[in-house]
Amino acid sequence: MKRVKGILRAGAALILALSGCSLAPPLKTPVVPAADAYKEIGPWTQAQPADRLPRDSWWALYGNPELDDLEKRLIAGNPTLAAAFANYAQARALADQARAGLFPTLGLNASGQRNRESVNAPLRGPTTPTYFNSNTLGGSVSYELDLWGQIRNEVAAGEASAAASAADLENARLSLIGQLVQDYIQLRSLDRDSAILDETVKAYARALGLTEQRHDAGIAPGLDVAQAQTQLNAALSQAAQTLAQRALMEHAIAALLGVSASTFSLKPEIVAIQLPQIPSGVPSTLLERRPDIAGAQRRMIAANANIGVARAAYFPTLTLGGQGGFQSTSVSNWLSAPSSFWAIGPNALLSVFDGGLRRAQVAQARAEFDASAANYRGTVVGAFQQVEDSLASLNHFHDASVDEKAAVDAAQRTLDFSLALYKQGATDYLTVVTSQTALLQTQLEALNLDTLQLTASVNLILALGGGWEDSATEPRPPLANSAAR
C-alpha cells in the first residue's frame, strides 16, 4: 500500500512539474536603433517633456468649439470605428474561449425512455424482454492536463491578439479623428480662399468698369477691356471651383460622422484655427505611445506563443475523465445503490505518424513570427520617418509662410502703384493684369501655407501617437453607438 501511495505521489509531482512546462521560445524583439533626439527640430516647438498632450482631446489644442463638437459626433457615430470596436470585442471573446481550456468541463445528463428491442437482435436471449424502460441520471467531468503548455500558450496568444485588437481600435480612433481635423482645416481654408476670391472678383469688376470708362472716353484701347474681362471671368471660374472643392470636403466630413451628406452642412465662415505648439519628446518614448507599434508588438507576442502551441503537438495529450450516476429500468429503484454506475480513468492520445504535418505547422508558426517581427520593425522605422517628415514640414512651411506673407504685402503695393500709373496713362493695362495675378497667387499661396502648417501639425500629433497622457494599449470606453445595442 505504501508503495502504491509513493507511486501516486511521484506521479502527481511529475504532473505538477510538467504542468509548468512551455514549449514557446523566449521572445526576441527586433532591435530598432533610436536616436537621442529628432533631427528636424525648430524654434517653434516646446521641448519640455513635462508638457502633456491628452490623448482623449488633443484636437482641443486648435481652439475651435465646432471642431470639438464634430469630434464627439464622430466618436459616437462613425461606422468604421464601430466595426473596430466590434472586432476588439470579438478578439476578447476568443481570448476568453482559449482561457476556458484551463478549467475542467462538467456535464449533466438525464433521460427517461421506453424502448422496444428487435426480436431478431444479435445475442438476444430467450428471457430478454421486448419492451423495457431505461432511466438514466448521471454526470461527467473531463480535464485535459496542460503538460506541455499548449493551452497556456493558446491563452497567451489569445490575450496578445486581444491586446493587438485594442491597439487597432485606438489606432482607428486616432486616424479617423485626425482625418476629421484635417478635413475641417481644409474646409475652413477653402472658406478663406472663397472670401479672397469674392473680394478679388469685386476688385476685378471695378477694374473692368474702369477700363470700360476709359475705352468709352477714347483713352484706353479695346484690348484693355478684353484683358480685364478675362481676369474677371477667370476669377469667377476659380471661385466656382473652390466651392466645388468645399462641397466635396463637407461630404467627406458627413461620411466620417456617419450621417447622410444630403442632410449635413457647415455654414461657410472665416474661422481662426490656431497652430499649436507640440512637445515632441524624444524618439525612445515614441515606442510607448504609438498604438500601431503596440499592436505590432502584441501580434509578435501572439505569434511566439503559437510556436509553443505547434511544438506541443509532438507530445501526447493526457485527459482525466470520469462519469457516474444511476441507471434503472424502474423508477422505484432508480436512485438506489444497486442502480449506480461509474467509470474513471485517464486517456492518452499521441499521433505517431502524420506525414510531416506537425513539422510543417511548427515551420508555419516560425514563419508567422518572423513576419510579425519584420512588420514590427517596419512599423517602428515608419513611425520615426513620419515624425521627422512632420517636423521638417512644420519647420520649412513656417519659414516659407513668413516669406510668402511679405510677398503678399509687396504684391499689394505693386498693384496699387500699377493702378495709379494706369489711371495716369503712364503704363498699359498688361502691367495691371500682371500685378493683379501676382497678388491673387501670393494671397492664395499664403493661405495654403497656413493650411499646410496646420495639416503638418495634425500629422505630427498622429505620428507621435495622438498624445502621451495614457498608454497606447489601454482599451477605450465603449462607443455610444456600440454600447446602445
Protein backbone atom coordinates (compact mmCIF):
# COMPACT_ATOMS: atom_id res chain seq x y z
CA MET A 1 0.00 0.00 0.00
CA LYS A 2 2.82 2.34 0.87
CA ARG A 3 4.45 1.58 -2.46
CA VAL A 4 1.23 2.46 -4.31
CA LYS A 5 0.97 5.75 -2.43
CA GLY A 6 4.58 6.52 -3.27
CA ILE A 7 3.95 5.88 -6.93
CA LEU A 8 0.89 8.13 -6.81
CA ARG A 9 2.86 10.90 -5.11
CA ALA A 10 5.64 10.62 -7.67
CA GLY A 11 3.13 10.72 -10.50
CA ALA A 12 1.44 13.78 -9.02
CA ALA A 13 4.81 15.51 -8.60
CA LEU A 14 5.71 14.71 -12.19
CA ILE A 15 2.41 16.10 -13.44
CA LEU A 16 2.90 19.31 -11.43
CA ALA A 17 6.42 19.68 -12.80
CA LEU A 18 5.32 19.13 -16.37
CA SER A 19 2.36 21.49 -15.97
CA GLY A 20 4.82 24.36 -15.69
CA CYS A 21 6.46 23.43 -18.98
CA SER A 22 6.11 25.70 -22.01
CA LEU A 23 7.47 24.98 -25.45
CA ALA A 24 7.26 28.59 -26.66
CA PRO A 25 10.73 30.04 -27.33
CA PRO A 26 11.95 33.13 -25.45
CA LEU A 27 10.58 36.27 -27.08
CA LYS A 28 13.19 38.17 -29.07
CA THR A 29 12.01 41.65 -30.01
CA PRO A 30 13.85 43.14 -33.01
CA VAL A 31 16.20 45.93 -32.00
CA VAL A 32 15.48 49.21 -33.79
CA PRO A 33 18.09 51.90 -33.06
CA ALA A 34 16.57 55.15 -31.81
CA ALA A 35 18.41 58.46 -31.88
CA ASP A 36 18.79 60.62 -28.80
CA ALA A 37 16.84 63.44 -30.45
CA TYR A 38 14.89 64.14 -33.60
CA LYS A 39 16.87 65.66 -36.45
CA GLU A 40 14.19 68.11 -37.50
CA ILE A 41 13.66 70.43 -34.53
CA GLY A 42 12.54 74.01 -35.00
CA PRO A 43 12.37 77.04 -32.73
CA TRP A 44 8.58 76.93 -32.67
CA THR A 45 8.47 73.64 -30.69
CA GLN A 46 8.34 73.29 -26.94
CA ALA A 47 10.86 70.74 -25.75
CA GLN A 48 9.72 70.41 -22.13
CA PRO A 49 8.93 66.72 -21.58
CA ALA A 50 6.59 67.70 -18.73
CA ASP A 51 4.12 69.18 -21.19
CA ARG A 52 1.30 66.71 -21.66
CA LEU A 53 -0.85 66.22 -24.71
CA PRO A 54 -4.06 64.47 -23.59
CA ARG A 55 -4.96 61.63 -25.92
CA ASP A 56 -8.71 61.89 -25.42
CA SER A 57 -9.00 65.52 -26.55
CA TRP A 58 -5.82 66.55 -28.36
CA TRP A 59 -7.86 68.35 -31.02
CA ALA A 60 -8.78 70.95 -28.36
CA LEU A 61 -5.30 72.39 -28.95
CA TYR A 62 -6.70 74.01 -32.10
CA GLY A 63 -9.11 76.11 -30.03
CA ASN A 64 -12.26 75.52 -32.07
CA PRO A 65 -15.54 74.63 -30.28
CA GLU A 66 -17.19 73.49 -33.52
CA LEU A 67 -14.36 71.03 -34.10
CA ASP A 68 -14.83 69.71 -30.56
CA ASP A 69 -18.49 69.02 -31.29
CA LEU A 70 -17.70 67.30 -34.59
CA GLU A 71 -15.15 65.02 -32.89
CA LYS A 72 -17.72 63.92 -30.32
CA ARG A 73 -20.17 63.14 -33.11
CA LEU A 74 -17.52 61.13 -34.93
CA ILE A 75 -16.73 59.02 -31.88
CA ALA A 76 -20.42 58.32 -31.37
CA GLY A 77 -21.46 57.68 -34.96
CA ASN A 78 -18.57 56.64 -37.19
CA PRO A 79 -19.30 53.17 -38.67
CA THR A 80 -15.63 52.28 -39.17
CA LEU A 81 -14.96 52.96 -35.50
CA ALA A 82 -17.97 50.87 -34.51
CA ALA A 83 -16.64 47.99 -36.61
CA ALA A 84 -13.21 48.32 -34.95
CA PHE A 85 -14.86 48.14 -31.53
CA ALA A 86 -16.78 45.04 -32.58
CA ASN A 87 -13.53 43.44 -33.77
CA TYR A 88 -11.99 44.18 -30.39
CA ALA A 89 -14.98 42.61 -28.61
CA GLN A 90 -14.61 39.55 -30.85
CA ALA A 91 -10.91 39.25 -30.01
CA ARG A 92 -11.70 39.45 -26.29
CA ALA A 93 -14.30 36.71 -26.67
CA LEU A 94 -11.80 34.48 -28.48
CA ALA A 95 -9.30 35.04 -25.67
CA ASP A 96 -11.94 34.02 -23.14
CA GLN A 97 -12.65 30.89 -25.18
CA ALA A 98 -8.98 29.93 -25.03
CA ARG A 99 -8.89 30.60 -21.28
CA ALA A 100 -11.80 28.21 -20.75
CA GLY A 101 -9.42 25.35 -21.64
CA LEU A 102 -7.63 25.85 -18.31
CA PHE A 103 -10.67 24.57 -16.42
CA PRO A 104 -12.40 21.19 -16.27
CA THR A 105 -15.54 20.51 -18.24
CA LEU A 106 -18.56 19.36 -16.22
CA GLY A 107 -21.71 17.82 -17.71
CA LEU A 108 -25.04 16.50 -16.50
CA ASN A 109 -27.42 14.23 -18.34
CA ALA A 110 -30.81 12.73 -17.62
CA SER A 111 -33.09 10.60 -19.75
CA GLY A 112 -36.22 8.50 -19.43
CA GLN A 113 -37.01 6.20 -22.34
CA ARG A 114 -39.47 3.49 -23.29
CA ASN A 115 -37.65 1.00 -25.59
CA ARG A 116 -38.62 -1.88 -27.83
CA GLU A 117 -35.84 -4.28 -28.75
CA SER A 118 -35.85 -6.17 -32.02
CA VAL A 119 -36.77 -9.82 -31.70
CA ASN A 120 -34.01 -10.59 -34.21
CA ALA A 121 -31.34 -8.56 -32.39
CA PRO A 122 -27.93 -10.27 -32.15
CA LEU A 123 -27.22 -12.14 -28.89
CA ARG A 124 -30.84 -11.77 -27.81
CA GLY A 125 -31.68 -14.24 -25.08
CA PRO A 126 -34.98 -16.10 -24.69
CA THR A 127 -35.75 -14.24 -21.45
CA THR A 128 -34.83 -10.80 -22.74
CA PRO A 129 -37.93 -8.57 -22.66
CA THR A 130 -39.05 -6.98 -25.87
CA TYR A 131 -40.30 -3.84 -24.13
CA PHE A 132 -38.44 -2.17 -21.28
CA ASN A 133 -37.78 1.21 -19.65
CA SER A 134 -34.40 2.90 -19.39
CA ASN A 135 -33.99 5.72 -16.86
CA THR A 136 -30.59 7.37 -16.52
CA LEU A 137 -29.32 10.23 -14.33
CA GLY A 138 -25.61 10.95 -14.37
CA GLY A 139 -22.77 13.39 -14.73
CA SER A 140 -19.31 13.57 -16.24
CA VAL A 141 -16.11 15.51 -15.72
CA SER A 142 -13.19 15.89 -18.09
CA TYR A 143 -9.95 17.80 -17.63
CA GLU A 144 -7.02 17.99 -20.02
CA LEU A 145 -3.68 18.22 -18.24
CA ASP A 146 -1.67 21.03 -19.81
CA LEU A 147 1.61 19.14 -19.54
CA TRP A 148 3.35 20.88 -22.44
CA GLY A 149 1.90 24.36 -22.08
CA GLN A 150 -0.29 24.12 -25.16
CA ILE A 151 -3.37 25.58 -23.50
CA ARG A 152 -1.38 28.23 -21.66
CA ASN A 153 0.25 29.29 -24.91
CA GLU A 154 -3.14 29.40 -26.59
CA VAL A 155 -4.33 31.67 -23.77
CA ALA A 156 -1.22 33.83 -24.10
CA ALA A 157 -1.73 34.09 -27.86
CA GLY A 158 -5.39 34.99 -27.36
CA GLU A 159 -4.58 37.67 -24.79
CA ALA A 160 -1.89 39.16 -27.03
CA SER A 161 -4.26 39.14 -30.01
CA ALA A 162 -6.92 40.88 -27.92
CA ALA A 163 -4.38 43.50 -26.86
CA ALA A 164 -3.41 43.94 -30.52
CA SER A 165 -7.08 44.42 -31.39
CA ALA A 166 -7.37 47.04 -28.62
CA ALA A 167 -4.40 48.84 -30.19
CA ASP A 168 -6.09 48.57 -33.60
CA LEU A 169 -9.20 50.16 -32.12
CA GLU A 170 -7.13 53.01 -30.71
CA ASN A 171 -5.28 53.40 -33.99
CA ALA A 172 -8.56 53.54 -35.92
CA ARG A 173 -9.89 56.13 -33.50
CA LEU A 174 -6.71 58.17 -33.81
CA SER A 175 -6.65 58.00 -37.62
CA LEU A 176 -10.32 58.91 -38.03
CA ILE A 177 -10.11 61.79 -35.58
CA GLY A 178 -7.01 63.04 -37.35
CA GLN A 179 -8.77 62.78 -40.72
CA LEU A 180 -11.69 64.82 -39.41
CA VAL A 181 -9.37 67.53 -38.07
CA GLN A 182 -7.56 67.71 -41.40
CA ASP A 183 -10.82 67.80 -43.39
CA TYR A 184 -12.19 70.56 -41.15
CA ILE A 185 -8.97 72.58 -41.54
CA GLN A 186 -9.18 72.13 -45.30
CA LEU A 187 -12.85 73.14 -45.40
CA ARG A 188 -12.22 76.33 -43.43
CA SER A 189 -9.20 77.04 -45.62
CA LEU A 190 -11.46 76.82 -48.67
CA ASP A 191 -13.82 79.26 -46.96
CA ARG A 192 -10.92 81.70 -46.65
CA ASP A 193 -9.99 81.09 -50.29
CA SER A 194 -13.59 81.82 -51.27
CA ALA A 195 -13.56 85.05 -49.30
CA ILE A 196 -10.37 86.21 -51.04
CA LEU A 197 -11.76 85.21 -54.43
CA ASP A 198 -15.01 87.06 -53.73
CA GLU A 199 -13.04 90.21 -52.92
CA THR A 200 -10.90 89.62 -55.99
CA VAL A 201 -14.00 89.32 -58.18
CA LYS A 202 -15.25 92.64 -56.83
CA ALA A 203 -11.87 94.27 -57.48
CA TYR A 204 -11.72 92.82 -60.98
CA ALA A 205 -15.26 94.05 -61.65
CA ARG A 206 -14.22 97.56 -60.61
CA ALA A 207 -11.15 97.28 -62.83
CA LEU A 208 -13.37 96.20 -65.74
CA GLY A 209 -15.60 99.19 -65.14
CA LEU A 210 -12.54 101.46 -65.12
CA THR A 211 -11.27 100.09 -68.44
CA GLU A 212 -14.73 100.40 -70.00
CA GLN A 213 -14.95 104.05 -68.89
CA ARG A 214 -11.51 104.78 -70.31
CA HIS A 215 -12.37 102.94 -73.52
CA ASP A 216 -15.66 104.83 -73.89
CA ALA A 217 -13.71 108.08 -73.38
CA GLY A 218 -11.27 107.04 -76.08
CA ILE A 219 -8.35 106.87 -73.64
CA ALA A 220 -7.85 103.07 -73.48
CA PRO A 221 -7.94 100.52 -76.31
CA GLY A 222 -10.39 97.64 -76.50
CA LEU A 223 -7.53 95.30 -75.57
CA ASP A 224 -7.64 96.67 -72.02
CA VAL A 225 -11.34 95.85 -71.74
CA ALA A 226 -10.76 92.33 -73.07
CA GLN A 227 -7.91 91.74 -70.62
CA ALA A 228 -9.99 92.99 -67.69
CA GLN A 229 -12.92 90.81 -68.76
CA THR A 230 -10.61 87.78 -68.98
CA GLN A 231 -9.30 88.44 -65.48
CA LEU A 232 -12.83 88.71 -64.09
CA ASN A 233 -14.11 85.54 -65.75
CA ALA A 234 -11.03 83.57 -64.65
CA ALA A 235 -11.58 84.69 -61.05
CA LEU A 236 -15.27 83.73 -61.24
CA SER A 237 -14.30 80.28 -62.52
CA GLN A 238 -11.74 79.83 -59.75
CA ALA A 239 -14.34 80.83 -57.16
CA ALA A 240 -16.79 78.24 -58.53
CA GLN A 241 -14.09 75.54 -58.46
CA THR A 242 -13.33 76.40 -54.84
CA LEU A 243 -16.99 76.00 -53.93
CA ALA A 244 -16.99 72.58 -55.62
CA GLN A 245 -13.97 71.53 -53.56
CA ARG A 246 -15.67 72.77 -50.40
CA ALA A 247 -18.79 70.74 -51.16
CA LEU A 248 -16.72 67.57 -51.52
CA MET A 249 -14.93 68.28 -48.25
CA GLU A 250 -18.27 68.85 -46.49
CA HIS A 251 -19.49 65.50 -47.82
CA ALA A 252 -16.33 63.81 -46.56
CA ILE A 253 -16.94 65.19 -43.06
CA ALA A 254 -20.52 63.92 -43.15
CA ALA A 255 -19.29 60.43 -44.02
CA LEU A 256 -16.82 60.50 -41.12
CA LEU A 257 -19.67 61.41 -38.76
CA GLY A 258 -21.78 58.55 -40.10
CA VAL A 259 -24.58 60.81 -41.39
CA SER A 260 -26.05 61.39 -44.83
CA ALA A 261 -24.28 64.05 -46.87
CA SER A 262 -27.73 65.19 -48.04
CA THR A 263 -28.71 66.29 -44.54
CA PHE A 264 -25.39 67.68 -43.31
CA SER A 265 -23.98 71.14 -43.82
CA LEU A 266 -21.50 73.53 -42.24
CA LYS A 267 -22.13 77.23 -42.66
CA PRO A 268 -19.34 78.95 -44.61
CA GLU A 269 -17.45 81.32 -42.34
CA ILE A 270 -13.97 82.58 -41.60
CA VAL A 271 -12.72 80.63 -38.60
CA ALA A 272 -9.46 81.25 -36.82
CA ILE A 273 -7.65 77.98 -36.13
CA GLN A 274 -4.57 78.38 -34.01
CA LEU A 275 -1.37 76.49 -34.71
CA PRO A 276 -0.50 74.58 -31.53
CA GLN A 277 2.98 74.15 -30.15
CA ILE A 278 3.54 70.44 -29.76
CA PRO A 279 6.17 68.90 -27.45
CA SER A 280 7.67 66.10 -29.48
CA GLY A 281 9.62 64.48 -26.64
CA VAL A 282 12.43 62.07 -27.53
CA PRO A 283 12.44 59.24 -30.08
CA SER A 284 12.63 56.45 -27.49
CA THR A 285 9.26 57.39 -25.99
CA LEU A 286 7.61 57.05 -29.40
CA LEU A 287 7.60 53.26 -28.97
CA GLU A 288 5.41 53.66 -25.89
CA ARG A 289 2.79 55.90 -27.44
CA ARG A 290 2.01 54.69 -30.95
CA PRO A 291 -0.96 52.29 -30.95
CA ASP A 292 0.15 50.73 -34.25
CA ILE A 293 3.55 49.91 -32.74
CA ALA A 294 1.84 48.43 -29.70
CA GLY A 295 -0.40 46.34 -31.95
CA ALA A 296 2.57 45.07 -33.98
CA GLN A 297 4.37 44.09 -30.79
CA ARG A 298 1.33 42.22 -29.42
CA ARG A 299 0.99 40.29 -32.66
CA MET A 300 4.62 39.31 -32.38
CA ILE A 301 3.93 38.01 -28.85
CA ALA A 302 0.93 36.03 -30.12
CA ALA A 303 2.98 34.52 -32.95
CA ASN A 304 5.69 33.50 -30.50
CA ALA A 305 3.12 31.75 -28.28
CA ASN A 306 1.73 29.94 -31.32
CA ILE A 307 5.14 28.34 -31.84
CA GLY A 308 4.71 26.73 -28.43
CA VAL A 309 1.24 25.53 -29.40
CA ALA A 310 2.60 23.93 -32.58
CA ARG A 311 5.50 22.30 -30.75
CA ALA A 312 3.17 20.75 -28.15
CA ALA A 313 1.56 18.65 -30.87
CA TYR A 314 4.65 16.41 -30.82
CA PHE A 315 3.74 15.22 -27.31
CA PRO A 316 0.78 13.19 -26.06
CA THR A 317 -2.32 14.80 -24.64
CA LEU A 318 -3.49 13.41 -21.31
CA THR A 319 -7.10 13.82 -20.25
CA LEU A 320 -8.56 12.83 -16.90
CA GLY A 321 -12.19 11.84 -17.14
CA GLY A 322 -14.91 10.34 -15.06
CA GLN A 323 -18.61 9.70 -15.20
CA GLY A 324 -21.20 8.26 -12.90
CA GLY A 325 -24.85 8.21 -11.96
CA PHE A 326 -27.87 5.94 -11.71
CA GLN A 327 -29.50 3.73 -14.32
CA SER A 328 -32.53 1.50 -13.95
CA THR A 329 -35.49 0.09 -15.81
CA SER A 330 -37.81 1.04 -12.97
CA VAL A 331 -38.45 4.34 -11.28
CA SER A 332 -38.92 2.66 -7.90
CA ASN A 333 -35.27 1.57 -7.57
CA TRP A 334 -33.77 4.21 -9.90
CA LEU A 335 -31.80 6.17 -7.30
CA SER A 336 -30.73 3.20 -5.19
CA ALA A 337 -27.17 1.97 -4.69
CA PRO A 338 -27.55 -1.12 -6.89
CA SER A 339 -28.55 1.18 -9.80
CA SER A 340 -25.39 3.28 -9.59
CA PHE A 341 -22.63 3.17 -12.16
CA TRP A 342 -19.31 4.96 -12.55
CA ALA A 343 -16.13 4.99 -14.59
CA ILE A 344 -12.91 6.92 -14.06
CA GLY A 345 -9.52 6.92 -15.65
CA PRO A 346 -7.02 8.80 -17.81
CA ASN A 347 -6.98 8.93 -21.57
CA ALA A 348 -3.76 9.49 -23.52
CA LEU A 349 -3.54 10.33 -27.21
CA LEU A 350 -0.40 10.59 -29.32
CA SER A 351 -0.16 10.91 -33.07
CA VAL A 352 2.56 8.52 -34.24
CA PHE A 353 2.66 9.36 -37.95
CA ASP A 354 1.18 12.41 -39.68
CA GLY A 355 3.17 12.69 -42.90
CA GLY A 356 5.10 15.76 -41.70
CA LEU A 357 2.00 17.73 -40.65
CA ARG A 358 3.33 18.79 -37.26
CA ARG A 359 6.73 19.73 -38.66
CA ALA A 360 5.01 21.91 -41.25
CA GLN A 361 2.81 23.51 -38.58
CA VAL A 362 5.88 24.43 -36.50
CA ALA A 363 7.56 25.85 -39.61
CA GLN A 364 4.43 27.86 -40.34
CA ALA A 365 4.35 29.25 -36.78
CA ARG A 366 8.01 30.24 -37.00
CA ALA A 367 7.43 31.95 -40.34
CA GLU A 368 4.45 33.78 -38.85
CA PHE A 369 6.67 35.05 -36.04
CA ASP A 370 9.38 36.14 -38.47
CA ALA A 371 6.77 38.07 -40.47
CA SER A 372 5.34 39.73 -37.36
CA ALA A 373 8.84 40.69 -36.19
CA ALA A 374 9.61 42.24 -39.59
CA ASN A 375 6.27 44.08 -39.54
CA TYR A 376 7.07 45.40 -36.06
CA ARG A 377 10.44 46.69 -37.19
CA GLY A 378 8.91 48.25 -40.30
CA THR A 379 6.22 49.96 -38.22
CA VAL A 380 8.80 51.47 -35.88
CA VAL A 381 11.02 52.68 -38.71
CA GLY A 382 8.00 54.15 -40.47
CA ALA A 383 6.94 55.92 -37.27
CA PHE A 384 10.30 57.66 -36.97
CA GLN A 385 10.04 58.73 -40.60
CA GLN A 386 6.55 60.17 -40.09
CA VAL A 387 7.70 62.23 -37.11
CA GLU A 388 10.72 63.57 -38.98
CA ASP A 389 8.57 64.31 -42.05
CA SER A 390 6.07 66.27 -39.98
CA LEU A 391 8.77 68.20 -38.12
CA ALA A 392 10.52 69.05 -41.38
CA SER A 393 7.24 70.18 -42.96
CA LEU A 394 6.39 72.39 -40.00
CA ASN A 395 9.82 73.99 -39.93
CA HIS A 396 10.10 74.72 -43.64
CA PHE A 397 6.45 75.67 -44.15
CA HIS A 398 6.85 78.13 -41.27
CA ASP A 399 9.81 79.80 -42.96
CA ALA A 400 8.01 79.79 -46.31
CA SER A 401 4.93 81.34 -44.74
CA VAL A 402 6.91 84.27 -43.35
CA ASP A 403 8.38 84.99 -46.78
CA GLU A 404 5.03 84.50 -48.55
CA LYS A 405 3.27 87.00 -46.27
CA ALA A 406 5.99 89.51 -47.12
CA ALA A 407 5.38 88.73 -50.79
CA VAL A 408 1.65 89.47 -50.33
CA ASP A 409 2.47 92.93 -48.95
CA ALA A 410 4.87 93.59 -51.81
CA ALA A 411 2.33 92.38 -54.39
CA GLN A 412 -0.34 94.67 -52.93
CA ARG A 413 1.99 97.66 -53.17
CA THR A 414 2.86 96.72 -56.74
CA LEU A 415 -0.81 96.57 -57.69
CA ASP A 416 -1.52 99.92 -56.06
CA PHE A 417 1.36 101.52 -57.98
CA SER A 418 0.36 99.93 -61.30
CA LEU A 419 -3.27 101.04 -60.96
CA ALA A 420 -2.21 104.57 -60.14
CA LEU A 421 0.12 104.66 -63.15
CA TYR A 422 -2.58 103.21 -65.41
CA LYS A 423 -5.09 105.86 -64.35
CA GLN A 424 -2.47 108.47 -65.23
CA GLY A 425 -1.83 106.79 -68.57
CA ALA A 426 1.80 106.11 -67.63
CA THR A 427 1.57 102.32 -68.20
CA ASP A 428 -0.53 99.82 -70.12
CA TYR A 429 -3.17 97.56 -68.63
CA LEU A 430 -0.99 94.45 -69.01
CA THR A 431 1.06 95.73 -66.07
CA VAL A 432 -2.12 95.93 -64.01
CA VAL A 433 -3.14 92.42 -65.06
CA THR A 434 0.26 91.06 -64.10
CA SER A 435 0.08 92.78 -60.72
CA GLN A 436 -3.45 91.52 -60.08
CA THR A 437 -2.45 87.96 -60.93
CA ALA A 438 0.62 88.11 -58.71
CA LEU A 439 -1.39 89.44 -55.77
CA LEU A 440 -4.06 86.74 -56.04
CA GLN A 441 -1.49 83.98 -56.35
CA THR A 442 0.51 85.18 -53.35
CA GLN A 443 -2.64 85.58 -51.25
CA LEU A 444 -3.84 82.07 -52.03
CA GLU A 445 -0.35 80.63 -51.54
CA ALA A 446 -0.06 82.35 -48.15
CA LEU A 447 -3.35 80.78 -47.08
CA ASN A 448 -2.21 77.44 -48.47
CA LEU A 449 0.97 77.59 -46.40
CA ASP A 450 -1.09 78.29 -43.27
CA THR A 451 -3.20 75.23 -44.11
CA LEU A 452 -0.10 73.14 -44.76
CA GLN A 453 1.30 74.10 -41.36
CA LEU A 454 -1.94 73.13 -39.61
CA THR A 455 -2.08 69.86 -41.54
CA ALA A 456 1.55 69.12 -40.70
CA SER A 457 0.80 69.75 -37.02
CA VAL A 458 -2.02 67.19 -37.18
CA ASN A 459 0.32 64.73 -38.88
CA LEU A 460 2.88 65.30 -36.14
CA ILE A 461 0.34 64.59 -33.40
CA LEU A 462 -0.74 61.43 -35.22
CA ALA A 463 2.89 60.39 -35.74
CA LEU A 464 3.51 60.88 -32.00
CA GLY A 465 0.61 58.58 -31.18
CA GLY A 466 -2.04 61.21 -30.50
CA GLY A 467 -0.55 62.31 -27.21
CA TRP A 468 1.06 60.54 -24.31
CA GLU A 469 -1.19 61.11 -21.35
CA ASP A 470 -2.01 57.38 -21.09
CA SER A 471 -0.88 54.06 -22.53
CA ALA A 472 -1.49 53.35 -26.19
CA THR A 473 -2.72 49.86 -25.42
CA GLU A 474 -5.43 50.76 -22.91
CA PRO A 475 -8.83 49.93 -24.43
CA ARG A 476 -11.08 52.93 -24.88
CA PRO A 477 -14.52 53.22 -23.30
CA PRO A 478 -17.30 51.57 -25.34
CA LEU A 479 -18.62 53.70 -28.17
CA ALA A 480 -22.04 55.19 -27.72
CA ASN A 481 -23.49 53.51 -30.79
CA SER A 482 -21.96 50.16 -29.78
CA ALA A 483 -22.95 50.24 -26.14
CA ALA A 484 -26.54 51.02 -27.02
CA ARG A 485 -27.01 47.75 -28.90
